[in-house]
């Protein structure tokens, strides 16, 4: 299984270092040669320890949209969408897309978070929408893949495991993203990020 992590409200270099700390605490997730794949920008950083099951190991994360406005880290598998239901991706399209993650990124970009109810899938993800100064945390409707977050001292921290978050400074309470739900994190310039359901 993959391990995903994200931090919001840090300066770029500090954010990258924080994500690497979180990923190190989840080093048992992913393959040894696919550890610590990280991307960072002003106020955010995301990363993964990836396990390539349905995709080739060359299908790197974070996944970046063609317009470079969205980045995704993803833990899970997409089996199929619902034909005619606004998302009709088939398992056979994995090769064309380069894996499950690019399919999820395309579905979210095209249809928004409403598409999540239409996917036959198990997942936890972090989607950074650079142009909107927002982040979307999401989890499959059965809650198969875990995803946790904490609000700490003007920051929001996200990881696949509680043990990755707990040692961070100022973390007082850790929350689970509820199954079938999304949490939106706003990244207003010059102020602390806010997480809302």
C-alpha atoms as a PDB file:
ATOM      1  CA  UNK A   1       0.000   0.000   0.000  1.00  0.00           C
ATOM      2  CA  UNK A   2       1.054   3.582  -0.588  1.00  0.00           C
ATOM      3  CA  UNK A   3       1.565   6.194   2.070  1.00  0.00           C
ATOM      4  CA  UNK A   4       0.545   9.767   1.268  1.00  0.00           C
ATOM      5  CA  UNK A   5       1.248  12.981   3.151  1.00  0.00           C
ATOM      6  CA  UNK A   6       0.735  16.722   2.854  1.00  0.00           C
ATOM      7  CA  UNK A   7       1.422  19.871   4.825  1.00  0.00           C
ATOM      8  CA  UNK A   8      -0.187  23.268   4.362  1.00  0.00           C
ATOM      9  CA  UNK A   9       0.807  26.593   5.881  1.00  0.00           C
ATOM     10  CA  UNK A  10       4.576  26.025   5.777  1.00  0.00           C
ATOM     11  CA  UNK A  11       7.198  27.876   3.774  1.00  0.00           C
ATOM     12  CA  UNK A  12       8.200  25.814   0.729  1.00  0.00           C
ATOM     13  CA  UNK A  13      11.488  24.368   2.055  1.00  0.00           C
ATOM     14  CA  UNK A  14      10.024  23.730   5.515  1.00  0.00           C
ATOM     15  CA  UNK A  15       7.020  22.050   3.905  1.00  0.00           C
ATOM     16  CA  UNK A  16       9.204  19.706   1.866  1.00  0.00           C
ATOM     17  CA  UNK A  17      11.164  18.767   5.018  1.00  0.00           C
ATOM     18  CA  UNK A  18       7.935  18.192   6.982  1.00  0.00           C
ATOM     19  CA  UNK A  19       6.504  15.900   4.276  1.00  0.00           C
ATOM     20  CA  UNK A  20       9.750  13.925   4.199  1.00  0.00           C
ATOM     21  CA  UNK A  21       9.459  13.470   8.009  1.00  0.00           C
ATOM     22  CA  UNK A  22       5.890  12.192   7.651  1.00  0.00           C
ATOM     23  CA  UNK A  23       6.868   9.817   4.840  1.00  0.00           C
ATOM     24  CA  UNK A  24       9.840   8.526   6.845  1.00  0.00           C
ATOM     25  CA  UNK A  25       7.418   7.500   9.624  1.00  0.00           C
ATOM     26  CA  UNK A  26       5.507   5.492   6.980  1.00  0.00           C
ATOM     27  CA  UNK A  27       8.539   3.996   5.204  1.00  0.00           C
ATOM     28  CA  UNK A  28       6.997   0.511   5.529  1.00  0.00           C
ATOM     29  CA  UNK A  29       4.435   1.706   2.958  1.00  0.00           C
ATOM     30  CA  UNK A  30       5.483   1.640  -0.675  1.00  0.00           C
ATOM     31  CA  UNK A  31       8.471   0.071  -2.386  1.00  0.00           C
ATOM     32  CA  UNK A  32      12.044   0.904  -1.325  1.00  0.00           C
ATOM     33  CA  UNK A  33      12.889   2.507  -4.683  1.00  0.00           C
ATOM     34  CA  UNK A  34       9.618   4.517  -4.812  1.00  0.00           C
ATOM     35  CA  UNK A  35       9.992   6.393  -1.508  1.00  0.00           C
ATOM     36  CA  UNK A  36       9.807  10.131  -0.864  1.00  0.00           C
ATOM     37  CA  UNK A  37       8.249  11.393  -4.099  1.00  0.00           C
ATOM     38  CA  UNK A  38       7.549  15.029  -3.155  1.00  0.00           C
ATOM     39  CA  UNK A  39       6.316  18.268  -4.761  1.00  0.00           C
ATOM     40  CA  UNK A  40       6.154  21.634  -2.985  1.00  0.00           C
ATOM     41  CA  UNK A  41       5.020  25.177  -3.634  1.00  0.00           C
ATOM     42  CA  UNK A  42       4.269  28.336  -1.652  1.00  0.00           C
ATOM     43  CA  UNK A  43       2.313  27.248   1.433  1.00  0.00           C
ATOM     44  CA  UNK A  44       2.040  23.550   0.535  1.00  0.00           C
ATOM     45  CA  UNK A  45       3.936  20.291   0.044  1.00  0.00           C
ATOM     46  CA  UNK A  46       2.661  16.789  -0.792  1.00  0.00           C
ATOM     47  CA  UNK A  47       4.356  13.442  -1.213  1.00  0.00           C
ATOM     48  CA  UNK A  48       4.056   9.692  -1.360  1.00  0.00           C
ATOM     49  CA  UNK A  49       5.772   6.416  -0.655  1.00  0.00           C
ATOM     50  CA  UNK A  50       4.353   4.553  -3.633  1.00  0.00           C
ATOM     51  CA  UNK A  51       3.535   0.907  -4.233  1.00  0.00           C
ATOM     52  CA  UNK A  52       3.067   0.221  -7.959  1.00  0.00           C
ATOM     53  CA  UNK A  53       0.524  -2.612  -8.284  1.00  0.00           C
ATOM     54  CA  UNK A  54      -1.668  -1.790 -11.282  1.00  0.00           C
ATOM     55  CA  UNK A  55       0.731   0.729 -12.804  1.00  0.00           C
ATOM     56  CA  UNK A  56       4.311   0.718 -13.884  1.00  0.00           C
ATOM     57  CA  UNK A  57       6.883   1.961 -11.429  1.00  0.00           C
ATOM     58  CA  UNK A  58       7.644   4.820 -13.839  1.00  0.00           C
ATOM     59  CA  UNK A  59       4.192   6.335 -13.171  1.00  0.00           C
ATOM     60  CA  UNK A  60       5.468   8.874 -10.625  1.00  0.00           C
ATOM     61  CA  UNK A  61       3.516  10.821  -8.057  1.00  0.00           C
ATOM     62  CA  UNK A  62       2.609  13.536  -7.287  1.00  0.00           C
ATOM     63  CA  UNK A  63       0.605  13.542 -10.503  1.00  0.00           C
ATOM     64  CA  UNK A  64       0.482  16.942 -12.204  1.00  0.00           C
ATOM     65  CA  UNK A  65      -2.387  18.050 -14.478  1.00  0.00           C
ATOM     66  CA  UNK A  66      -1.543  19.023 -18.050  1.00  0.00           C
ATOM     67  CA  UNK A  67      -2.189  22.704 -17.187  1.00  0.00           C
ATOM     68  CA  UNK A  68       0.016  22.353 -14.075  1.00  0.00           C
ATOM     69  CA  UNK A  69      -2.794  23.804 -11.936  1.00  0.00           C
ATOM     70  CA  UNK A  70      -3.536  20.640  -9.949  1.00  0.00           C
ATOM     71  CA  UNK A  71      -1.366  18.048  -8.230  1.00  0.00           C
ATOM     72  CA  UNK A  72      -2.532  14.762  -6.719  1.00  0.00           C
ATOM     73  CA  UNK A  73      -1.152  12.127  -4.381  1.00  0.00           C
ATOM     74  CA  UNK A  74      -3.284   9.029  -4.224  1.00  0.00           C
ATOM     75  CA  UNK A  75      -3.435   5.751  -2.319  1.00  0.00           C
ATOM     76  CA  UNK A  76      -5.847   3.243  -3.770  1.00  0.00           C
ATOM     77  CA  UNK A  77      -7.248   1.594  -6.824  1.00  0.00           C
ATOM     78  CA  UNK A  78      -9.989   2.504  -9.279  1.00  0.00           C
ATOM     79  CA  UNK A  79     -11.921  -0.461 -10.625  1.00  0.00           C
ATOM     80  CA  UNK A  80     -14.473   1.298 -12.808  1.00  0.00           C
ATOM     81  CA  UNK A  81     -16.823   4.242 -12.987  1.00  0.00           C
ATOM     82  CA  UNK A  82     -20.539   3.967 -13.646  1.00  0.00           C
ATOM     83  CA  UNK A  83     -21.222   4.077 -17.404  1.00  0.00           C
ATOM     84  CA  UNK A  84     -23.482   7.006 -18.222  1.00  0.00           C
ATOM     85  CA  UNK A  85     -23.124   8.238 -14.658  1.00  0.00           C
ATOM     86  CA  UNK A  86     -20.715  11.011 -15.503  1.00  0.00           C
ATOM     87  CA  UNK A  87     -17.645   8.836 -15.159  1.00  0.00           C
ATOM     88  CA  UNK A  88     -17.232   5.797 -17.363  1.00  0.00           C
ATOM     89  CA  UNK A  89     -13.560   4.957 -17.007  1.00  0.00           C
ATOM     90  CA  UNK A  90     -12.832   1.282 -17.527  1.00  0.00           C
ATOM     91  CA  UNK A  91     -10.081  -0.774 -15.958  1.00  0.00           C
ATOM     92  CA  UNK A  92      -8.558  -1.286 -19.419  1.00  0.00           C
ATOM     93  CA  UNK A  93      -7.874   2.449 -19.700  1.00  0.00           C
ATOM     94  CA  UNK A  94      -5.161   2.277 -17.055  1.00  0.00           C
ATOM     95  CA  UNK A  95      -2.498   1.825 -19.721  1.00  0.00           C
ATOM     96  CA  UNK A  96      -3.753   4.843 -21.703  1.00  0.00           C
ATOM     97  CA  UNK A  97      -3.843   7.055 -18.609  1.00  0.00           C
ATOM     98  CA  UNK A  98      -0.697   5.650 -17.036  1.00  0.00           C
ATOM     99  CA  UNK A  99      -2.459   4.402 -13.907  1.00  0.00           C
ATOM    100  CA  UNK A 100      -5.287   4.942 -11.449  1.00  0.00           C
ATOM    101  CA  UNK A 101      -4.024   8.293 -10.168  1.00  0.00           C
ATOM    102  CA  UNK A 102      -4.197  10.107 -13.519  1.00  0.00           C
ATOM    103  CA  UNK A 103      -7.734   8.734 -13.990  1.00  0.00           C
ATOM    104  CA  UNK A 104      -8.757  10.152 -10.595  1.00  0.00           C
ATOM    105  CA  UNK A 105      -7.095  13.501 -11.342  1.00  0.00           C
ATOM    106  CA  UNK A 106      -8.886  13.709 -14.703  1.00  0.00           C
ATOM    107  CA  UNK A 107     -12.236  12.746 -13.132  1.00  0.00           C
ATOM    108  CA  UNK A 108     -11.882  15.346 -10.361  1.00  0.00           C
ATOM    109  CA  UNK A 109     -10.775  18.027 -12.845  1.00  0.00           C
ATOM    110  CA  UNK A 110     -13.647  17.273 -15.213  1.00  0.00           C
ATOM    111  CA  UNK A 111     -16.550  16.480 -12.865  1.00  0.00           C
ATOM    112  CA  UNK A 112     -15.544  17.810  -9.448  1.00  0.00           C
ATOM    113  CA  UNK A 113     -15.849  15.921  -6.170  1.00  0.00           C
ATOM    114  CA  UNK A 114     -19.378  14.707  -7.063  1.00  0.00           C
ATOM    115  CA  UNK A 115     -17.698  12.051  -9.228  1.00  0.00           C
ATOM    116  CA  UNK A 116     -16.379  10.267  -6.144  1.00  0.00           C
ATOM    117  CA  UNK A 117     -19.771   8.661  -5.450  1.00  0.00           C
ATOM    118  CA  UNK A 118     -19.806   7.249  -8.988  1.00  0.00           C
ATOM    119  CA  UNK A 119     -16.449   5.501  -8.902  1.00  0.00           C
ATOM    120  CA  UNK A 120     -16.086   1.844  -8.000  1.00  0.00           C
ATOM    121  CA  UNK A 121     -12.876   2.371  -6.112  1.00  0.00           C
ATOM    122  CA  UNK A 122     -11.002   2.461  -2.838  1.00  0.00           C
ATOM    123  CA  UNK A 123      -8.853   5.523  -2.225  1.00  0.00           C
ATOM    124  CA  UNK A 124      -7.491   8.275  -0.072  1.00  0.00           C
ATOM    125  CA  UNK A 125      -6.155  11.347  -1.848  1.00  0.00           C
ATOM    126  CA  UNK A 126      -4.822  14.868  -1.488  1.00  0.00           C
ATOM    127  CA  UNK A 127      -5.526  17.222  -4.412  1.00  0.00           C
ATOM    128  CA  UNK A 128      -3.772  20.606  -4.475  1.00  0.00           C
ATOM    129  CA  UNK A 129      -5.584  23.182  -6.649  1.00  0.00           C
ATOM    130  CA  UNK A 130      -2.793  25.724  -7.063  1.00  0.00           C
ATOM    131  CA  UNK A 131      -4.809  28.292  -9.025  1.00  0.00           C
ATOM    132  CA  UNK A 132      -7.669  28.239  -6.478  1.00  0.00           C
ATOM    133  CA  UNK A 133      -5.493  28.247  -3.322  1.00  0.00           C
ATOM    134  CA  UNK A 134      -7.370  25.151  -2.132  1.00  0.00           C
ATOM    135  CA  UNK A 135      -6.677  21.554  -1.215  1.00  0.00           C
ATOM    136  CA  UNK A 136      -9.185  18.706  -1.295  1.00  0.00           C
ATOM    137  CA  UNK A 137      -8.773  15.662   0.952  1.00  0.00           C
ATOM    138  CA  UNK A 138     -10.966  12.712   0.003  1.00  0.00           C
ATOM    139  CA  UNK A 139     -11.754   9.155   0.912  1.00  0.00           C
ATOM    140  CA  UNK A 140     -13.752   6.347  -0.698  1.00  0.00           C
ATOM    141  CA  UNK A 141     -17.322   5.792   0.439  1.00  0.00           C
ATOM    142  CA  UNK A 142     -16.528   2.564   2.321  1.00  0.00           C
ATOM    143  CA  UNK A 143     -13.500   4.050   4.043  1.00  0.00           C
ATOM    144  CA  UNK A 144     -11.184   1.256   2.902  1.00  0.00           C
ATOM    145  CA  UNK A 145      -8.154   3.536   2.589  1.00  0.00           C
ATOM    146  CA  UNK A 146      -7.349   5.642   5.666  1.00  0.00           C
ATOM    147  CA  UNK A 147      -6.627   9.371   5.631  1.00  0.00           C
ATOM    148  CA  UNK A 148      -6.030  11.540   8.711  1.00  0.00           C
ATOM    149  CA  UNK A 149      -5.459  15.229   9.291  1.00  0.00           C
ATOM    150  CA  UNK A 150      -4.541  17.553  12.125  1.00  0.00           C
ATOM    151  CA  UNK A 151      -4.756  21.314  12.554  1.00  0.00           C
ATOM    152  CA  UNK A 152      -1.715  22.553  14.443  1.00  0.00           C
ATOM    153  CA  UNK A 153      -0.339  26.030  15.042  1.00  0.00           C
ATOM    154  CA  UNK A 154      -1.417  27.715  11.788  1.00  0.00           C
ATOM    155  CA  UNK A 155      -0.877  24.526   9.761  1.00  0.00           C
ATOM    156  CA  UNK A 156      -2.856  21.580   8.425  1.00  0.00           C
ATOM    157  CA  UNK A 157      -1.027  18.240   8.271  1.00  0.00           C
ATOM    158  CA  UNK A 158      -2.284  15.123   6.420  1.00  0.00           C
ATOM    159  CA  UNK A 159      -1.111  11.491   6.315  1.00  0.00           C
ATOM    160  CA  UNK A 160      -2.241   7.925   5.709  1.00  0.00           C
ATOM    161  CA  UNK A 161      -1.384   6.971   9.295  1.00  0.00           C
ATOM    162  CA  UNK A 162      -1.921   8.527  12.710  1.00  0.00           C
ATOM    163  CA  UNK A 163       1.610   7.613  13.772  1.00  0.00           C
ATOM    164  CA  UNK A 164       3.004   9.899  11.071  1.00  0.00           C
ATOM    165  CA  UNK A 165       1.076  12.900  12.462  1.00  0.00           C
ATOM    166  CA  UNK A 166       1.263  12.386  16.233  1.00  0.00           C
ATOM    167  CA  UNK A 167       4.946  13.341  16.758  1.00  0.00           C
ATOM    168  CA  UNK A 168       4.581  16.695  14.966  1.00  0.00           C
ATOM    169  CA  UNK A 169       4.812  19.789  17.179  1.00  0.00           C
ATOM    170  CA  UNK A 170       1.548  21.315  18.408  1.00  0.00           C
ATOM    171  CA  UNK A 171      -0.664  18.430  17.227  1.00  0.00           C
ATOM    172  CA  UNK A 172      -3.373  18.182  19.872  1.00  0.00           C
ATOM    173  CA  UNK A 173      -6.082  16.314  18.003  1.00  0.00           C
ATOM    174  CA  UNK A 174      -6.089  14.094  14.923  1.00  0.00           C
ATOM    175  CA  UNK A 175      -9.184  13.612  12.780  1.00  0.00           C
ATOM    176  CA  UNK A 176     -10.096  10.955  10.244  1.00  0.00           C
ATOM    177  CA  UNK A 177     -11.508  12.072   6.902  1.00  0.00           C
ATOM    178  CA  UNK A 178     -14.957  10.419   7.096  1.00  0.00           C
ATOM    179  CA  UNK A 179     -15.658   7.666   4.535  1.00  0.00           C
ATOM    180  CA  UNK A 180     -17.279   9.035   1.391  1.00  0.00           C
ATOM    181  CA  UNK A 181     -16.442  12.620   2.291  1.00  0.00           C
ATOM    182  CA  UNK A 182     -14.095  15.379   1.315  1.00  0.00           C
ATOM    183  CA  UNK A 183     -12.446  18.029   3.457  1.00  0.00           C
ATOM    184  CA  UNK A 184     -11.535  21.339   1.854  1.00  0.00           C
ATOM    185  CA  UNK A 185      -8.474  23.207   3.057  1.00  0.00           C
ATOM    186  CA  UNK A 186      -8.296  26.846   2.012  1.00  0.00           C
ATOM    187  CA  UNK A 187      -4.863  28.398   1.622  1.00  0.00           C
ATOM    188  CA  UNK A 188      -5.475  32.142   1.931  1.00  0.00           C
ATOM    189  CA  UNK A 189      -2.389  34.217   1.226  1.00  0.00           C
ATOM    190  CA  UNK A 190      -0.857  35.658   4.355  1.00  0.00           C
ATOM    191  CA  UNK A 191      -2.988  33.730   6.856  1.00  0.00           C
ATOM    192  CA  UNK A 192      -3.367  30.239   8.296  1.00  0.00           C
ATOM    193  CA  UNK A 193      -5.011  27.439   6.290  1.00  0.00           C
ATOM    194  CA  UNK A 194      -8.532  26.375   7.325  1.00  0.00           C
ATOM    195  CA  UNK A 195     -10.065  22.887   7.015  1.00  0.00           C
ATOM    196  CA  UNK A 196     -13.835  22.540   6.481  1.00  0.00           C
ATOM    197  CA  UNK A 197     -16.139  19.634   5.625  1.00  0.00           C
END
